[in-house]
């Protein structure tokens, strides 16, 4: 079976950098909302003020639940 040509600029260090970038992206906070039909839509947290407000509200709810469970 013939080998696929290598992508330029991608050696071992490029593959490691790409893996780290994918993992960093996977850990980034996300806000997922559903429309009236139930279809999910992802909002960009760093770019959307509504997404920032929703993320803050979620963090506040989690904090309140954790305080309540330790009381």
N, C-alpha and C. Protein backbone atom coordinates (compact mmCIF):
# COMPACT_ATOMS: atom_id res chain seq x y z
N UNK A 1 0.85 -1.17 0.00
CA UNK A 1 0.00 0.00 0.00
C UNK A 1 0.89 1.24 0.00
N UNK A 2 0.66 2.19 -0.88
CA UNK A 2 1.52 3.37 -0.94
C UNK A 2 1.28 4.29 0.27
N UNK A 3 2.34 4.96 0.67
CA UNK A 3 2.25 5.90 1.78
C UNK A 3 1.65 7.22 1.31
N UNK A 4 0.91 7.83 2.19
CA UNK A 4 0.38 9.15 1.89
C UNK A 4 1.50 10.17 2.02
N UNK A 5 1.49 11.20 1.20
CA UNK A 5 2.54 12.22 1.33
C UNK A 5 2.42 12.94 2.66
N UNK A 6 3.55 13.32 3.19
CA UNK A 6 3.56 14.04 4.46
C UNK A 6 3.06 15.47 4.27
N UNK A 7 2.41 15.96 5.29
CA UNK A 7 1.98 17.35 5.26
C UNK A 7 3.19 18.21 5.57
N UNK A 8 3.36 19.30 4.85
CA UNK A 8 4.52 20.15 5.14
C UNK A 8 4.43 20.76 6.53
N UNK A 9 5.55 20.77 7.22
CA UNK A 9 5.61 21.38 8.54
C UNK A 9 5.07 20.51 9.66
N UNK A 10 4.71 19.28 9.36
CA UNK A 10 4.18 18.40 10.39
C UNK A 10 5.14 17.25 10.61
N UNK A 11 5.93 17.35 11.60
CA UNK A 11 6.75 16.23 12.03
C UNK A 11 6.23 15.80 13.37
N UNK A 12 7.10 15.26 14.17
CA UNK A 12 6.70 14.84 15.51
C UNK A 12 6.29 16.05 16.34
N UNK A 13 7.07 17.13 16.25
CA UNK A 13 6.73 18.31 17.05
C UNK A 13 5.43 18.95 16.58
N UNK A 14 5.15 18.93 15.29
CA UNK A 14 3.90 19.46 14.79
C UNK A 14 2.71 18.64 15.23
N UNK A 15 2.87 17.32 15.26
CA UNK A 15 1.80 16.44 15.71
C UNK A 15 1.52 16.64 17.20
N UNK A 16 2.58 16.82 17.98
CA UNK A 16 2.40 17.06 19.42
C UNK A 16 1.70 18.40 19.64
N UNK A 17 2.11 19.42 18.89
CA UNK A 17 1.48 20.73 19.02
C UNK A 17 0.01 20.67 18.64
N UNK A 18 -0.32 19.92 17.59
CA UNK A 18 -1.71 19.79 17.17
C UNK A 18 -2.54 19.06 18.23
N UNK A 19 -1.96 18.04 18.84
CA UNK A 19 -2.65 17.31 19.90
C UNK A 19 -2.92 18.21 21.10
N UNK A 20 -1.92 18.99 21.49
CA UNK A 20 -2.10 19.91 22.61
C UNK A 20 -3.17 20.95 22.31
N UNK A 21 -3.20 21.46 21.07
CA UNK A 21 -4.20 22.44 20.69
C UNK A 21 -5.60 21.84 20.73
N UNK A 22 -5.77 20.60 20.27
CA UNK A 22 -7.07 19.95 20.32
C UNK A 22 -7.52 19.73 21.76
N UNK A 23 -6.61 19.33 22.63
CA UNK A 23 -6.96 19.12 24.04
C UNK A 23 -7.33 20.43 24.72
N UNK A 24 -6.61 21.50 24.42
CA UNK A 24 -6.92 22.81 24.99
C UNK A 24 -8.31 23.26 24.54
N UNK A 25 -8.62 23.05 23.27
CA UNK A 25 -9.93 23.42 22.74
C UNK A 25 -11.03 22.59 23.40
N UNK A 26 -10.76 21.32 23.67
CA UNK A 26 -11.76 20.45 24.29
C UNK A 26 -12.06 20.88 25.73
N UNK A 27 -11.10 21.50 26.41
CA UNK A 27 -11.30 21.94 27.79
C UNK A 27 -11.91 23.33 27.89
N UNK A 28 -12.00 24.04 26.78
CA UNK A 28 -12.52 25.41 26.80
C UNK A 28 -14.00 25.39 27.21
N UNK A 29 -14.42 26.39 27.97
CA UNK A 29 -15.83 26.43 28.37
C UNK A 29 -16.72 26.64 27.14
N UNK A 30 -17.86 25.96 27.13
CA UNK A 30 -18.81 26.08 26.03
C UNK A 30 -20.20 26.34 26.60
N UNK A 31 -20.98 27.06 25.84
CA UNK A 31 -22.38 27.26 26.19
C UNK A 31 -23.20 26.68 25.06
N UNK A 32 -24.01 25.69 25.39
CA UNK A 32 -24.87 25.05 24.39
C UNK A 32 -26.31 25.38 24.75
N UNK A 33 -27.02 25.97 23.80
CA UNK A 33 -28.43 26.29 23.99
C UNK A 33 -29.23 25.53 22.93
N UNK A 34 -30.48 25.31 23.21
CA UNK A 34 -31.35 24.62 22.25
C UNK A 34 -32.42 25.58 21.77
N UNK A 35 -32.71 25.51 20.46
CA UNK A 35 -33.75 26.37 19.90
C UNK A 35 -35.12 25.75 20.16
N UNK A 36 -36.17 26.36 19.62
CA UNK A 36 -37.53 25.88 19.85
C UNK A 36 -37.78 24.48 19.36
N UNK A 37 -37.01 24.05 18.35
CA UNK A 37 -37.16 22.70 17.81
C UNK A 37 -36.29 21.68 18.52
N UNK A 38 -35.49 22.13 19.48
CA UNK A 38 -34.64 21.22 20.23
C UNK A 38 -33.26 21.01 19.64
N UNK A 39 -32.92 21.75 18.59
CA UNK A 39 -31.59 21.61 17.98
C UNK A 39 -30.56 22.39 18.80
N UNK A 40 -29.44 21.76 19.13
CA UNK A 40 -28.43 22.45 19.93
C UNK A 40 -27.63 23.45 19.08
N UNK A 41 -27.21 24.52 19.74
CA UNK A 41 -26.35 25.52 19.10
C UNK A 41 -25.30 25.93 20.12
N UNK A 42 -24.04 25.97 19.70
CA UNK A 42 -22.95 26.34 20.59
C UNK A 42 -22.64 27.81 20.43
N UNK A 43 -22.53 28.51 21.56
CA UNK A 43 -22.19 29.93 21.56
C UNK A 43 -20.72 30.08 21.95
N UNK A 44 -20.03 30.96 21.28
CA UNK A 44 -18.62 31.22 21.58
C UNK A 44 -18.54 32.06 22.84
N UNK A 45 -17.88 31.54 23.86
CA UNK A 45 -17.85 32.20 25.16
C UNK A 45 -17.05 33.51 25.10
N UNK A 46 -15.94 33.53 24.44
CA UNK A 46 -15.12 34.73 24.40
C UNK A 46 -15.65 35.83 23.51
N UNK A 47 -16.60 35.50 22.63
CA UNK A 47 -17.06 36.46 21.63
C UNK A 47 -18.49 36.93 21.84
N UNK A 48 -19.27 36.24 22.64
CA UNK A 48 -20.69 36.51 22.77
C UNK A 48 -21.02 36.91 24.21
N UNK A 49 -21.60 38.10 24.37
CA UNK A 49 -21.94 38.59 25.71
C UNK A 49 -23.01 37.72 26.37
N UNK A 50 -23.95 37.22 25.59
CA UNK A 50 -24.99 36.34 26.14
C UNK A 50 -24.36 35.05 26.65
N UNK A 51 -23.41 34.52 25.91
CA UNK A 51 -22.73 33.30 26.35
C UNK A 51 -21.98 33.54 27.64
N UNK A 52 -21.34 34.69 27.77
CA UNK A 52 -20.63 35.03 29.01
C UNK A 52 -21.61 35.09 30.18
N UNK A 53 -22.76 35.71 29.98
CA UNK A 53 -23.76 35.82 31.05
C UNK A 53 -24.30 34.44 31.43
N UNK A 54 -24.56 33.60 30.44
CA UNK A 54 -25.04 32.25 30.73
C UNK A 54 -24.00 31.42 31.48
N UNK A 55 -22.75 31.56 31.09
CA UNK A 55 -21.67 30.83 31.76
C UNK A 55 -21.54 31.29 33.21
N UNK A 56 -21.63 32.59 33.44
CA UNK A 56 -21.54 33.11 34.81
C UNK A 56 -22.71 32.62 35.65
N UNK A 57 -23.92 32.59 35.07
CA UNK A 57 -25.08 32.10 35.79
C UNK A 57 -24.91 30.62 36.15
N UNK A 58 -24.38 29.84 35.24
CA UNK A 58 -24.15 28.42 35.51
C UNK A 58 -23.13 28.24 36.62
N UNK A 59 -22.06 29.03 36.59
CA UNK A 59 -21.05 28.94 37.65
C UNK A 59 -21.64 29.32 39.00
N UNK A 60 -22.50 30.35 39.02
CA UNK A 60 -23.15 30.76 40.26
C UNK A 60 -24.06 29.65 40.80
N UNK A 61 -24.80 28.99 39.90
CA UNK A 61 -25.67 27.89 40.33
C UNK A 61 -24.87 26.73 40.90
N UNK A 62 -23.76 26.40 40.28
CA UNK A 62 -22.91 25.32 40.77
C UNK A 62 -22.34 25.67 42.14
N UNK A 63 -21.88 26.92 42.28
CA UNK A 63 -21.35 27.35 43.58
C UNK A 63 -22.42 27.28 44.66
N UNK A 64 -23.63 27.73 44.34
CA UNK A 64 -24.71 27.70 45.32
C UNK A 64 -25.06 26.26 45.71
N UNK A 65 -25.06 25.37 44.75
CA UNK A 65 -25.36 23.96 45.05
C UNK A 65 -24.27 23.34 45.92
N UNK A 66 -23.02 23.70 45.66
CA UNK A 66 -21.93 23.16 46.46
C UNK A 66 -21.96 23.72 47.87
N UNK A 67 -22.28 24.99 48.02
CA UNK A 67 -22.38 25.56 49.38
C UNK A 67 -23.51 24.89 50.15
N UNK A 68 -24.60 24.63 49.47
CA UNK A 68 -25.77 24.03 50.10
C UNK A 68 -25.47 22.60 50.56
N UNK A 69 -24.68 21.87 49.76
CA UNK A 69 -24.41 20.47 50.09
C UNK A 69 -23.43 20.34 51.26
N UNK A 70 -22.61 21.35 51.51
CA UNK A 70 -21.66 21.28 52.62
C UNK A 70 -22.24 21.85 53.91
N UNK A 71 -23.40 22.48 53.83
CA UNK A 71 -23.99 23.10 55.02
C UNK A 71 -24.69 22.10 55.89
